[in-house]
Amino acid sequence: MRERTKLIIVLAVFAACWHLPGGPRVTGPLQEGFELVRWYAREHVILCLVPALFIAGAISAFVSQGAVMKYLGHGAMKLVAYPVAATSGTILAVCSCTVLPLFASIHKRGAGLGPATAFLYSGPAINVLAVVLTARVLGLELGIARAVGAVLISVVIGLIMSAIYRKEEAQRAAAGPMVALPEDGGRALWQDGLYFASMVGLLVFANLSGPEGAAGPWATVLSLKWFLTAACGAALALIVALWFKREEMREWIDSTWFFAKQILPLLLVGVLVAGLLLGGPGEGRGGIIPAAWVERLVGGNSPWANLFASVAGALMYFATLTEVPILEGLLAAGMGKGPALALLLAGPALSLPNMLVIRSVIGTQKTAVYVGLVVVFSTLAGVGYGAIAR
């Protein structure tokens, strides 16, 4: 099938998802699944996933494999690789799905499995917007616990993944570069830095949000959201026009399209299944698993409640920041503080769509191990925090 035909199919499917019926007509688990797909297409693809795909394409096409190997590769110092991987997601307001093309890209460029999975977890779990909103809405104590827990868990998971698959990773490193290095585009380091900064700025500012009635400096930033987004877009267009050759543009587009083909179909299926099981966005979820069950099973701070919160969070899909109002309602309904932290640590980092795509990048076994580690350590963090926060 020609690439142009594939693109037309992707656009047609996206248009169909955009126009799926919703609102009061949505009844039953299947319709809830369609509603979640519709909401995802309208609220999350254009402003969040598409910019992330272009950033991933740029990393694949232009970031020196030597730089990736230096800071995140098999031979990189652990004291450098893991802190970089665990904290690099702080500026990205991304969810468990949007981080996927970035993870796939740095893994393709040669990042070690440990640092790559540390970034995969920390990207959606530790972004500054989510931590600030958690502290403001759910309390400073829970906000700090979320930030510290996410960083520590990302490092521990990365180290364990690296240790479990050390022989396979050594063979991967010995095989040499996984992809051909791009030719030098003739740009200075500061020019490439501005190129990536403009794309990251566009992604971050386009997805800024905050609680209703926000005041102070944050309200000012929110009021300038679209101006800042447009400024980053204009800067990116100018940078590309002045400093990039036509061949480089084609390479960038080709790399972006590669990730889009790999990720979008699996995301679509995963979002549909997540909605089918747990319901669509907003209140009154009507999936196969009733929301009332979740509320009853996460009361108190027992190990079982924490485990259930971790598993439920891993299966649900949370767009960036949506976990906070959902947890606010669950806490009001009697959810324990430990399970609340467990859900905060597992939920934003995992989802059914996320698992499907991870599997396509690192395989079934590694994905199962990664998911299991996230659930286990989120549960342990919840149990510990619940005991302290009583």
Protein backbone atom coordinates (compact mmCIF):
# COMPACT_ATOMS: atom_id res chain seq x y z
CA MET A 1 0.00 0.00 0.00
CA ARG A 2 1.38 3.41 -0.95
CA GLU A 3 2.23 5.84 1.84
CA ARG A 4 -0.20 8.44 0.48
CA THR A 5 -3.03 5.90 0.69
CA LYS A 6 -2.08 5.08 4.28
CA LEU A 7 -2.16 8.78 5.15
CA ILE A 8 -5.61 9.18 3.60
CA ILE A 9 -6.85 6.20 5.64
CA VAL A 10 -5.42 7.67 8.85
CA LEU A 11 -7.08 11.03 8.18
CA ALA A 12 -10.39 9.36 7.31
CA VAL A 13 -10.34 7.31 10.53
CA PHE A 14 -9.50 10.42 12.55
CA ALA A 15 -12.39 12.31 10.94
CA ALA A 16 -14.72 9.41 11.73
CA CYS A 17 -13.55 9.41 15.38
CA TRP A 18 -14.09 13.17 15.56
CA HIS A 19 -17.71 12.82 14.45
CA LEU A 20 -18.68 9.81 16.56
CA PRO A 21 -22.01 10.38 18.36
CA GLY A 22 -21.78 11.49 21.96
CA GLY A 23 -23.55 13.44 24.66
CA PRO A 24 -26.95 12.34 25.97
CA ARG A 25 -27.22 9.64 23.32
CA VAL A 26 -24.29 7.74 24.77
CA THR A 27 -25.55 4.67 26.63
CA GLY A 28 -23.97 1.33 27.41
CA PRO A 29 -20.31 0.22 27.53
CA LEU A 30 -19.82 0.12 23.74
CA GLN A 31 -21.10 3.65 23.31
CA GLU A 32 -18.95 4.73 26.26
CA GLY A 33 -15.96 3.35 24.38
CA PHE A 34 -16.94 5.35 21.29
CA GLU A 35 -17.39 8.43 23.46
CA LEU A 36 -13.87 8.10 24.86
CA VAL A 37 -12.46 7.69 21.34
CA ARG A 38 -14.40 10.78 20.21
CA TRP A 39 -13.19 12.79 23.18
CA TYR A 40 -9.60 11.65 22.68
CA ALA A 41 -9.69 12.61 19.00
CA ARG A 42 -11.10 16.07 19.74
CA GLU A 43 -9.20 16.99 22.87
CA HIS A 44 -5.89 15.21 22.70
CA VAL A 45 -4.66 14.34 19.22
CA ILE A 46 -4.11 17.65 17.43
CA LEU A 47 -2.59 19.72 20.25
CA CYS A 48 -0.80 16.99 22.18
CA LEU A 49 -0.11 13.79 20.26
CA VAL A 50 0.73 15.36 16.88
CA PRO A 51 3.38 17.75 18.32
CA ALA A 52 4.84 14.82 20.27
CA LEU A 53 5.09 12.78 17.06
CA PHE A 54 6.97 15.60 15.34
CA ILE A 55 9.36 15.90 18.30
CA ALA A 56 9.93 12.15 18.14
CA GLY A 57 10.58 12.39 14.41
CA ALA A 58 13.07 15.20 15.00
CA ILE A 59 14.90 13.19 17.67
CA SER A 60 15.12 10.22 15.32
CA ALA A 61 16.27 12.29 12.37
CA PHE A 62 18.59 14.88 13.89
CA VAL A 63 19.71 14.03 17.42
CA SER A 64 23.18 12.59 17.36
CA GLN A 65 23.19 8.97 18.38
CA GLY A 66 26.45 9.74 20.12
CA ALA A 67 24.67 12.26 22.37
CA VAL A 68 21.95 9.75 23.25
CA MET A 69 24.55 7.08 23.97
CA LYS A 70 26.60 9.52 26.06
CA TYR A 71 23.78 10.40 28.44
CA LEU A 72 21.31 7.50 28.17
CA GLY A 73 23.20 4.67 26.45
CA HIS A 74 24.50 1.37 27.74
CA GLY A 75 27.89 2.77 28.65
CA ALA A 76 26.64 6.00 30.23
CA MET A 77 27.35 6.61 33.90
CA LYS A 78 24.31 5.59 35.95
CA LEU A 79 24.71 8.68 38.12
CA VAL A 80 24.11 10.73 34.96
CA ALA A 81 21.74 8.56 32.89
CA TYR A 82 19.06 7.88 35.49
CA PRO A 83 18.70 11.39 36.94
CA VAL A 84 18.48 12.77 33.38
CA ALA A 85 15.86 10.19 32.41
CA ALA A 86 13.89 10.55 35.66
CA THR A 87 13.64 14.34 35.54
CA SER A 88 13.54 15.14 31.82
CA GLY A 89 9.77 14.74 31.79
CA THR A 90 9.25 17.62 34.21
CA ILE A 91 8.80 20.18 31.43
CA LEU A 92 6.49 18.02 29.31
CA ALA A 93 2.78 18.14 30.14
CA VAL A 94 2.25 14.72 28.55
CA CYS A 95 0.06 11.73 29.29
CA SER A 96 0.84 8.02 29.12
CA CYS A 97 0.11 7.99 25.37
CA THR A 98 1.83 11.21 24.32
CA VAL A 99 5.14 10.09 25.89
CA LEU A 100 5.17 6.95 23.70
CA PRO A 101 6.62 8.42 20.49
CA LEU A 102 9.33 10.13 22.54
CA PHE A 103 10.17 6.85 24.29
CA ALA A 104 10.18 4.93 20.99
CA SER A 105 12.46 7.53 19.46
CA ILE A 106 15.15 7.60 22.15
CA HIS A 107 15.06 3.80 22.36
CA LYS A 108 15.54 3.61 18.59
CA ARG A 109 18.48 6.01 18.82
CA GLY A 110 20.26 3.65 21.21
CA ALA A 111 19.22 4.62 24.73
CA GLY A 112 19.66 1.78 27.21
CA LEU A 113 16.53 -0.06 28.32
CA GLY A 114 16.94 1.14 31.90
CA PRO A 115 17.14 4.90 31.21
CA ALA A 116 14.53 4.59 28.44
CA THR A 117 11.98 2.94 30.75
CA ALA A 118 12.82 5.44 33.50
CA PHE A 119 11.92 8.22 31.06
CA LEU A 120 8.83 6.31 29.90
CA TYR A 121 7.53 6.22 33.47
CA SER A 122 8.62 9.65 34.66
CA GLY A 123 7.45 11.59 31.58
CA PRO A 124 3.73 11.52 32.40
CA ALA A 125 4.14 10.88 36.15
CA ILE A 126 6.36 13.81 37.12
CA ASN A 127 5.40 16.74 34.87
CA VAL A 128 5.43 20.02 36.80
CA LEU A 129 1.86 21.01 35.92
CA ALA A 130 0.43 17.78 37.33
CA VAL A 131 2.48 17.99 40.54
CA VAL A 132 1.56 21.64 41.14
CA LEU A 133 -2.13 20.97 40.50
CA THR A 134 -2.02 17.92 42.80
CA ALA A 135 -0.50 20.00 45.60
CA ARG A 136 -3.00 22.79 45.12
CA VAL A 137 -6.18 20.71 44.85
CA LEU A 138 -5.37 17.59 46.90
CA GLY A 139 -2.93 19.07 49.38
CA LEU A 140 0.77 19.91 49.57
CA GLU A 141 1.59 16.65 51.34
CA LEU A 142 0.16 14.51 48.53
CA GLY A 143 1.79 16.71 45.88
CA ILE A 144 5.23 16.24 47.43
CA ALA A 145 4.65 12.51 47.87
CA ARG A 146 3.70 12.25 44.19
CA ALA A 147 6.81 14.09 42.99
CA VAL A 148 9.26 12.20 45.20
CA GLY A 149 7.59 8.85 44.59
CA ALA A 150 7.55 9.27 40.81
CA VAL A 151 11.26 10.12 40.61
CA LEU A 152 12.32 7.29 42.92
CA ILE A 153 10.09 4.72 41.24
CA SER A 154 11.30 5.67 37.76
CA VAL A 155 14.93 5.17 38.79
CA VAL A 156 14.23 1.88 40.59
CA ILE A 157 12.20 0.50 37.67
CA GLY A 158 14.90 1.52 35.21
CA LEU A 159 17.64 -0.14 37.27
CA ILE A 160 15.62 -3.35 37.64
CA MET A 161 14.77 -3.50 33.93
CA SER A 162 18.42 -2.97 33.08
CA ALA A 163 19.51 -5.70 35.51
CA ILE A 164 16.93 -8.24 34.31
CA TYR A 165 17.83 -7.79 30.64
CA ARG A 166 21.52 -6.98 31.04
CA LYS A 167 22.67 -9.81 28.72
CA GLU A 168 20.23 -8.85 25.98
CA GLU A 169 21.18 -5.19 26.36
CA ALA A 170 24.87 -6.07 26.13
CA GLN A 171 24.19 -7.90 22.86
CA ARG A 172 22.20 -4.92 21.60
CA ALA A 173 25.09 -2.60 22.45
CA ALA A 174 27.63 -4.91 20.82
CA ALA A 175 25.57 -4.94 17.62
CA GLY A 176 26.49 -1.29 17.12
CA PRO A 177 24.29 1.58 15.96
CA MET A 178 20.70 0.49 15.37
CA VAL A 179 20.10 3.16 12.74
CA ALA A 180 22.33 5.14 10.42
CA LEU A 181 23.54 8.42 11.81
CA PRO A 182 22.08 11.46 10.07
CA GLU A 183 24.41 13.61 8.06
CA ASP A 184 25.56 16.85 9.64
CA GLY A 185 23.09 19.55 8.68
CA GLY A 186 25.70 22.26 9.13
CA ARG A 187 23.86 23.88 12.06
CA ALA A 188 25.38 25.05 15.31
CA LEU A 189 24.37 23.42 18.58
CA TRP A 190 22.45 26.52 19.65
CA GLN A 191 20.42 26.40 16.43
CA ASP A 192 19.37 22.81 17.03
CA GLY A 193 18.63 23.77 20.63
CA LEU A 194 16.25 26.52 19.50
CA TYR A 195 14.63 24.10 17.05
CA PHE A 196 13.81 21.59 19.77
CA ALA A 197 12.93 24.28 22.32
CA SER A 198 10.34 25.78 19.95
CA MET A 199 8.69 22.36 19.47
CA VAL A 200 8.69 21.58 23.19
CA GLY A 201 7.36 25.07 23.91
CA LEU A 202 4.55 24.57 21.42
CA LEU A 203 3.62 21.25 23.03
CA VAL A 204 3.76 22.62 26.59
CA PHE A 205 1.95 25.93 26.04
CA ALA A 206 -0.77 24.44 23.83
CA ASN A 207 -1.66 22.04 26.65
CA LEU A 208 -1.46 24.40 29.61
CA SER A 209 -4.41 24.16 31.95
CA GLY A 210 -5.25 24.80 35.56
CA PRO A 211 -8.01 24.76 38.13
CA GLU A 212 -11.01 26.99 37.69
CA GLY A 213 -10.56 30.40 39.25
CA ALA A 214 -6.78 30.27 39.10
CA ALA A 215 -5.21 33.50 40.30
CA GLY A 216 -1.82 35.14 40.50
CA PRO A 217 1.09 34.46 38.12
CA TRP A 218 -0.43 31.19 36.94
CA ALA A 219 -3.59 33.00 35.80
CA THR A 220 -1.40 35.41 33.83
CA VAL A 221 0.42 32.55 32.13
CA LEU A 222 -2.89 30.87 31.28
CA SER A 223 -4.23 34.10 29.78
CA LEU A 224 -1.19 34.21 27.47
CA LYS A 225 -1.45 30.51 26.55
CA TRP A 226 -2.37 30.91 22.89
CA PHE A 227 -0.06 33.88 22.35
CA LEU A 228 2.87 31.81 23.66
CA THR A 229 1.77 28.81 21.58
CA ALA A 230 1.58 30.96 18.43
CA ALA A 231 4.98 32.47 19.20
CA CYS A 232 6.57 29.04 19.47
CA GLY A 233 4.85 27.94 16.24
CA ALA A 234 6.06 31.02 14.40
CA ALA A 235 9.60 30.55 15.74
CA LEU A 236 9.57 26.91 14.59
CA ALA A 237 8.39 27.89 11.10
CA LEU A 238 11.11 30.56 10.83
CA ILE A 239 13.83 28.20 12.08
CA VAL A 240 12.86 25.50 9.61
CA ALA A 241 12.68 27.98 6.72
CA LEU A 242 16.08 29.53 7.44
CA TRP A 243 18.20 26.63 8.65
CA PHE A 244 16.86 23.40 7.16
CA LYS A 245 17.41 21.93 3.72
CA ARG A 246 14.62 20.30 1.75
CA GLU A 247 16.21 16.86 2.20
CA GLU A 248 16.28 17.34 5.96
CA MET A 249 12.64 18.37 5.96
CA ARG A 250 11.78 15.19 4.07
CA GLU A 251 13.78 13.11 6.56
CA TRP A 252 11.95 14.76 9.46
CA ILE A 253 8.54 14.12 7.92
CA ASP A 254 9.45 10.51 7.08
CA SER A 255 10.59 9.84 10.66
CA THR A 256 7.43 11.41 12.07
CA TRP A 257 5.26 9.33 9.73
CA PHE A 258 7.10 6.17 10.81
CA PHE A 259 6.11 6.75 14.45
CA ALA A 260 2.57 7.77 13.49
CA LYS A 261 2.03 4.50 11.61
CA GLN A 262 3.46 2.51 14.51
CA ILE A 263 1.52 4.20 17.30
CA LEU A 264 -1.82 5.62 16.11
CA PRO A 265 -3.63 2.34 15.24
CA LEU A 266 -2.72 0.77 18.59
CA LEU A 267 -3.76 3.90 20.48
CA LEU A 268 -7.14 3.90 18.77
CA VAL A 269 -7.82 0.28 19.74
CA GLY A 270 -6.54 0.82 23.27
CA VAL A 271 -8.64 3.93 23.91
CA LEU A 272 -11.74 2.10 22.65
CA VAL A 273 -11.10 -0.88 24.97
CA ALA A 274 -10.39 1.42 27.94
CA GLY A 275 -13.71 3.18 27.39
CA LEU A 276 -15.51 -0.13 26.98
CA LEU A 277 -14.20 -1.42 30.33
CA LEU A 278 -14.18 1.73 32.45
CA GLY A 279 -16.43 4.19 30.63
CA GLY A 280 -15.98 7.46 28.80
CA PRO A 281 -14.62 10.79 30.04
CA GLY A 282 -16.23 12.82 32.79
CA GLU A 283 -18.68 11.80 35.46
CA GLY A 284 -21.10 8.92 35.25
CA ARG A 285 -18.74 6.40 33.66
CA GLY A 286 -20.83 3.51 32.34
CA GLY A 287 -18.27 0.91 31.36
CA ILE A 288 -18.46 -2.81 32.03
CA ILE A 289 -16.72 -2.16 35.38
CA PRO A 290 -19.03 0.18 37.39
CA ALA A 291 -17.40 3.23 38.96
CA ALA A 292 -19.14 2.43 42.25
CA TRP A 293 -17.07 -0.74 42.54
CA VAL A 294 -13.89 1.31 42.30
CA GLU A 295 -15.06 3.70 45.01
CA ARG A 296 -15.95 0.86 47.40
CA LEU A 297 -12.73 -1.06 46.84
CA VAL A 298 -10.26 1.78 47.46
CA GLY A 299 -11.51 2.90 50.87
CA GLY A 300 -9.03 2.81 53.73
CA ASN A 301 -5.31 2.12 53.38
CA SER A 302 -5.12 -1.68 53.28
CA PRO A 303 -2.63 -3.38 50.95
CA TRP A 304 -5.57 -4.70 48.92
CA ALA A 305 -7.02 -1.21 48.47
CA ASN A 306 -3.63 0.08 47.32
CA LEU A 307 -3.16 -2.83 44.93
CA PHE A 308 -6.61 -2.34 43.47
CA ALA A 309 -5.99 1.40 43.04
CA SER A 310 -2.72 0.66 41.21
CA VAL A 311 -4.31 -1.93 38.90
CA ALA A 312 -7.36 0.23 38.21
CA GLY A 313 -5.11 3.23 37.50
CA ALA A 314 -2.94 1.14 35.17
CA LEU A 315 -5.99 0.13 33.10
CA MET A 316 -7.72 3.50 33.00
CA TYR A 317 -6.77 6.27 30.60
CA PHE A 318 -5.96 9.67 32.12
CA ALA A 319 -5.34 12.69 29.93
CA THR A 320 -2.81 15.08 31.44
CA LEU A 321 -4.13 16.59 34.71
CA THR A 322 -7.51 14.81 34.57
CA GLU A 323 -6.45 12.42 37.31
CA VAL A 324 -6.61 15.26 39.86
CA PRO A 325 -10.34 16.08 39.66
CA ILE A 326 -11.13 12.35 39.42
CA LEU A 327 -9.18 11.70 42.61
CA GLU A 328 -10.80 14.69 44.29
CA GLY A 329 -14.17 13.00 43.80
CA LEU A 330 -12.89 9.60 44.93
CA LEU A 331 -11.33 11.07 48.09
CA ALA A 332 -14.64 12.76 48.87
CA ALA A 333 -16.33 9.37 48.44
CA GLY A 334 -14.05 7.77 51.06
CA MET A 335 -10.89 6.79 49.19
CA GLY A 336 -7.86 6.39 51.46
CA LYS A 337 -4.78 8.60 51.07
CA GLY A 338 -2.55 5.60 50.35
CA PRO A 339 -4.67 4.33 47.43
CA ALA A 340 -4.89 7.92 46.18
CA LEU A 341 -1.10 8.09 45.89
CA ALA A 342 -0.97 4.59 44.37
CA LEU A 343 -3.41 5.67 41.67
CA LEU A 344 -1.48 8.91 41.07
CA LEU A 345 1.74 6.93 40.57
CA ALA A 346 0.31 4.15 38.37
CA GLY A 347 -2.53 5.88 36.53
CA PRO A 348 -0.84 8.69 34.56
CA ALA A 349 2.11 6.42 33.67
CA LEU A 350 0.08 3.50 32.31
CA SER A 351 -3.08 2.79 30.32
CA LEU A 352 -4.33 0.09 27.99
CA PRO A 353 -3.39 2.11 24.87
CA ASN A 354 0.02 2.79 26.40
CA MET A 355 0.66 -0.93 27.03
CA LEU A 356 -0.19 -1.91 23.45
CA VAL A 357 2.29 0.55 22.01
CA ILE A 358 5.06 -0.29 24.50
CA ARG A 359 4.69 -3.92 23.48
CA SER A 360 5.28 -2.98 19.84
CA VAL A 361 8.55 -1.24 20.83
CA ILE A 362 10.17 -3.57 23.38
CA GLY A 363 8.14 -6.80 23.11
CA THR A 364 5.57 -8.63 25.21
CA GLN A 365 7.81 -9.93 27.98
CA LYS A 366 9.54 -6.63 28.75
CA THR A 367 6.19 -4.83 28.66
CA ALA A 368 4.69 -7.29 31.14
CA VAL A 369 7.68 -6.89 33.47
CA TYR A 370 7.53 -3.09 33.21
CA VAL A 371 3.79 -2.97 33.92
CA GLY A 372 4.19 -5.36 36.84
CA LEU A 373 6.95 -3.22 38.34
CA VAL A 374 4.87 -0.06 38.05
CA VAL A 375 1.92 -1.72 39.78
CA VAL A 376 4.05 -3.27 42.54
CA PHE A 377 6.01 -0.12 43.41
CA SER A 378 2.95 2.12 43.18
CA THR A 379 1.22 -0.24 45.62
CA LEU A 380 4.18 -0.24 48.01
CA ALA A 381 4.41 3.55 47.88
CA GLY A 382 0.70 3.80 48.62
CA VAL A 383 0.92 1.43 51.58
CA GLY A 384 3.86 3.35 53.04
CA TYR A 385 2.29 6.75 52.50
CA GLY A 386 -1.06 5.57 53.89
CA ALA A 387 0.64 4.43 57.10
CA ILE A 388 2.42 7.77 57.52
CA ALA A 389 -0.45 10.06 56.48
CA ARG A 390 -3.08 8.65 58.86
